Amino acid sequence: MQTDLPEILAEVTAAFKRYEQALVANDVAVLDELFWNDPRTIRYGAGENLHGYAEIMAFRAARPSVGLERELLHTVITTHGQDFATANTTFARNGRIGRQSQTWVRRPEGWRVVAAHVSLMPPAP
């Protein structure tokens, strides 16, 4: 299995950037599209544990649409073969540092997040 095949890395990087743009713009339709529509999909957030696509969709529909801007600080995208990738990034929002990890899988409909985790670092003392 080859790691970081250039064409696969470019595909996942484009999907990650599309996700990021949709996140800060609160484009719920794109966010929903980019998650795998399956009850096994997981998103653990800074204040919520979401199990299944339906819970993730409901969360997205109900969350506030302001204050979503953030600055990406360090992003690492790694592909394994042609159908599996991870994307990890740290970000700054409102003076806090956060972390986000995503597991991406190529599905028949395209690249989809099958598991995600977001957390915030404790405030600096």
Protein backbone atom coordinates (compact mmCIF):
# COMPACT_ATOMS: atom_id res chain seq x y z
CA MET A 1 0.00 0.00 0.00
CA GLN A 2 1.47 3.33 -1.02
CA THR A 3 1.29 6.42 1.16
CA ASP A 4 0.54 9.88 -0.24
CA LEU A 5 0.08 9.05 -3.90
CA PRO A 6 0.07 12.56 -5.41
CA GLU A 7 -3.29 12.27 -7.20
CA ILE A 8 -5.02 10.77 -4.15
CA LEU A 9 -3.48 13.35 -1.81
CA ALA A 10 -4.76 16.10 -4.14
CA GLU A 11 -8.29 14.62 -4.09
CA VAL A 12 -8.44 14.39 -0.29
CA THR A 13 -6.89 17.83 0.14
CA ALA A 14 -9.59 19.27 -2.14
CA ALA A 15 -12.31 17.49 -0.14
CA PHE A 16 -10.80 18.75 3.13
CA LYS A 17 -10.69 22.34 1.82
CA ARG A 18 -14.28 22.06 0.62
CA TYR A 19 -15.28 20.86 4.08
CA GLU A 20 -13.40 23.74 5.75
CA GLN A 21 -15.06 26.34 3.51
CA ALA A 22 -18.47 24.84 4.21
CA LEU A 23 -17.74 24.75 7.95
CA VAL A 24 -16.93 28.44 8.33
CA ALA A 25 -19.77 29.44 5.96
CA ASN A 26 -22.22 27.10 7.72
CA ASP A 27 -23.09 25.46 4.41
CA VAL A 28 -25.03 22.64 6.02
CA ALA A 29 -25.85 20.95 2.71
CA VAL A 30 -22.16 20.49 1.86
CA LEU A 31 -21.29 19.46 5.42
CA ASP A 32 -24.02 16.82 5.33
CA GLU A 33 -22.88 15.66 1.89
CA LEU A 34 -19.28 15.14 3.03
CA PHE A 35 -20.19 12.85 5.93
CA TRP A 36 -20.93 9.20 5.20
CA ASN A 37 -24.68 8.65 5.38
CA ASP A 38 -24.58 5.69 7.73
CA PRO A 39 -25.56 4.94 11.34
CA ARG A 40 -21.93 3.96 12.05
CA THR A 41 -20.59 7.44 11.28
CA ILE A 42 -19.27 9.20 14.40
CA ARG A 43 -18.53 12.82 15.22
CA TYR A 44 -17.23 13.62 18.68
CA GLY A 45 -17.31 17.39 19.12
CA ALA A 46 -16.12 19.85 21.71
CA GLY A 47 -19.39 19.49 23.60
CA GLU A 48 -21.30 16.64 21.97
CA ASN A 49 -20.99 12.97 21.07
CA LEU A 50 -22.86 12.21 17.86
CA HIS A 51 -23.46 8.63 16.79
CA GLY A 52 -24.84 8.13 13.31
CA TYR A 53 -25.47 10.35 10.33
CA ALA A 54 -28.93 11.41 11.58
CA GLU A 55 -27.51 12.82 14.84
CA ILE A 56 -24.77 14.65 12.95
CA MET A 57 -27.32 16.18 10.55
CA ALA A 58 -29.56 17.27 13.44
CA PHE A 59 -26.60 18.90 15.20
CA ARG A 60 -25.59 20.80 12.06
CA ALA A 61 -29.15 22.03 11.48
CA ALA A 62 -29.48 23.32 15.06
CA ARG A 63 -26.10 24.91 15.76
CA PRO A 64 -25.61 28.68 15.61
CA SER A 65 -24.43 29.99 12.25
CA VAL A 66 -22.25 32.83 13.58
CA GLY A 67 -18.77 32.82 15.09
CA LEU A 68 -17.60 29.86 13.04
CA GLU A 69 -14.50 31.51 11.57
CA ARG A 70 -11.20 29.99 12.55
CA GLU A 71 -7.58 29.98 11.48
CA LEU A 72 -5.98 26.68 10.55
CA LEU A 73 -2.55 26.46 12.16
CA HIS A 74 -1.13 23.12 11.09
CA THR A 75 -2.79 20.53 8.87
CA VAL A 76 -1.51 17.06 8.04
CA ILE A 77 -3.32 14.99 5.43
CA THR A 78 -2.05 11.46 4.86
CA THR A 79 -3.41 8.99 2.35
CA HIS A 80 -3.00 5.24 2.52
CA GLY A 81 -3.60 3.50 -0.78
CA GLN A 82 -6.30 4.94 -2.99
CA ASP A 83 -9.33 4.84 -0.71
CA PHE A 84 -8.34 5.82 2.85
CA ALA A 85 -6.99 9.01 4.41
CA THR A 86 -6.68 10.94 7.62
CA ALA A 87 -6.79 14.72 8.01
CA ASN A 88 -5.63 16.32 11.23
CA THR A 89 -5.46 20.02 11.93
CA THR A 90 -5.02 22.45 14.75
CA PHE A 91 -6.91 25.71 14.65
CA ALA A 92 -7.37 28.98 16.52
CA ARG A 93 -10.82 30.41 17.29
CA ASN A 94 -11.65 33.14 19.79
CA GLY A 95 -8.25 32.92 21.47
CA ARG A 96 -8.47 29.15 21.95
CA ILE A 97 -6.57 26.36 20.26
CA GLY A 98 -8.54 23.41 18.95
CA ARG A 99 -7.82 20.08 17.32
CA GLN A 100 -9.73 18.27 14.62
CA SER A 101 -9.19 14.81 13.22
CA GLN A 102 -11.09 13.20 10.38
CA THR A 103 -11.02 9.77 8.80
CA TRP A 104 -11.89 9.93 5.10
CA VAL A 105 -12.88 6.95 2.93
CA ARG A 106 -13.54 6.89 -0.79
CA ARG A 107 -17.14 5.74 -1.20
CA PRO A 108 -18.95 5.18 -4.52
CA GLU A 109 -20.36 8.73 -4.16
CA GLY A 110 -16.92 10.26 -3.43
CA TRP A 111 -14.70 11.01 -0.42
CA ARG A 112 -16.65 10.98 2.85
CA VAL A 113 -15.80 11.52 6.52
CA VAL A 114 -16.58 8.32 8.42
CA ALA A 115 -15.27 9.47 11.80
CA ALA A 116 -14.38 12.88 13.19
CA HIS A 117 -13.23 14.37 16.47
CA VAL A 118 -13.01 18.01 17.55
CA SER A 119 -11.66 19.20 20.87
CA LEU A 120 -10.43 22.40 22.48
CA MET A 121 -7.26 22.78 24.48
CA PRO A 122 -7.70 24.16 27.99
CA PRO A 123 -7.33 27.96 28.15
CA ALA A 124 -3.78 29.15 28.71
CA PRO A 125 -3.11 29.99 32.38
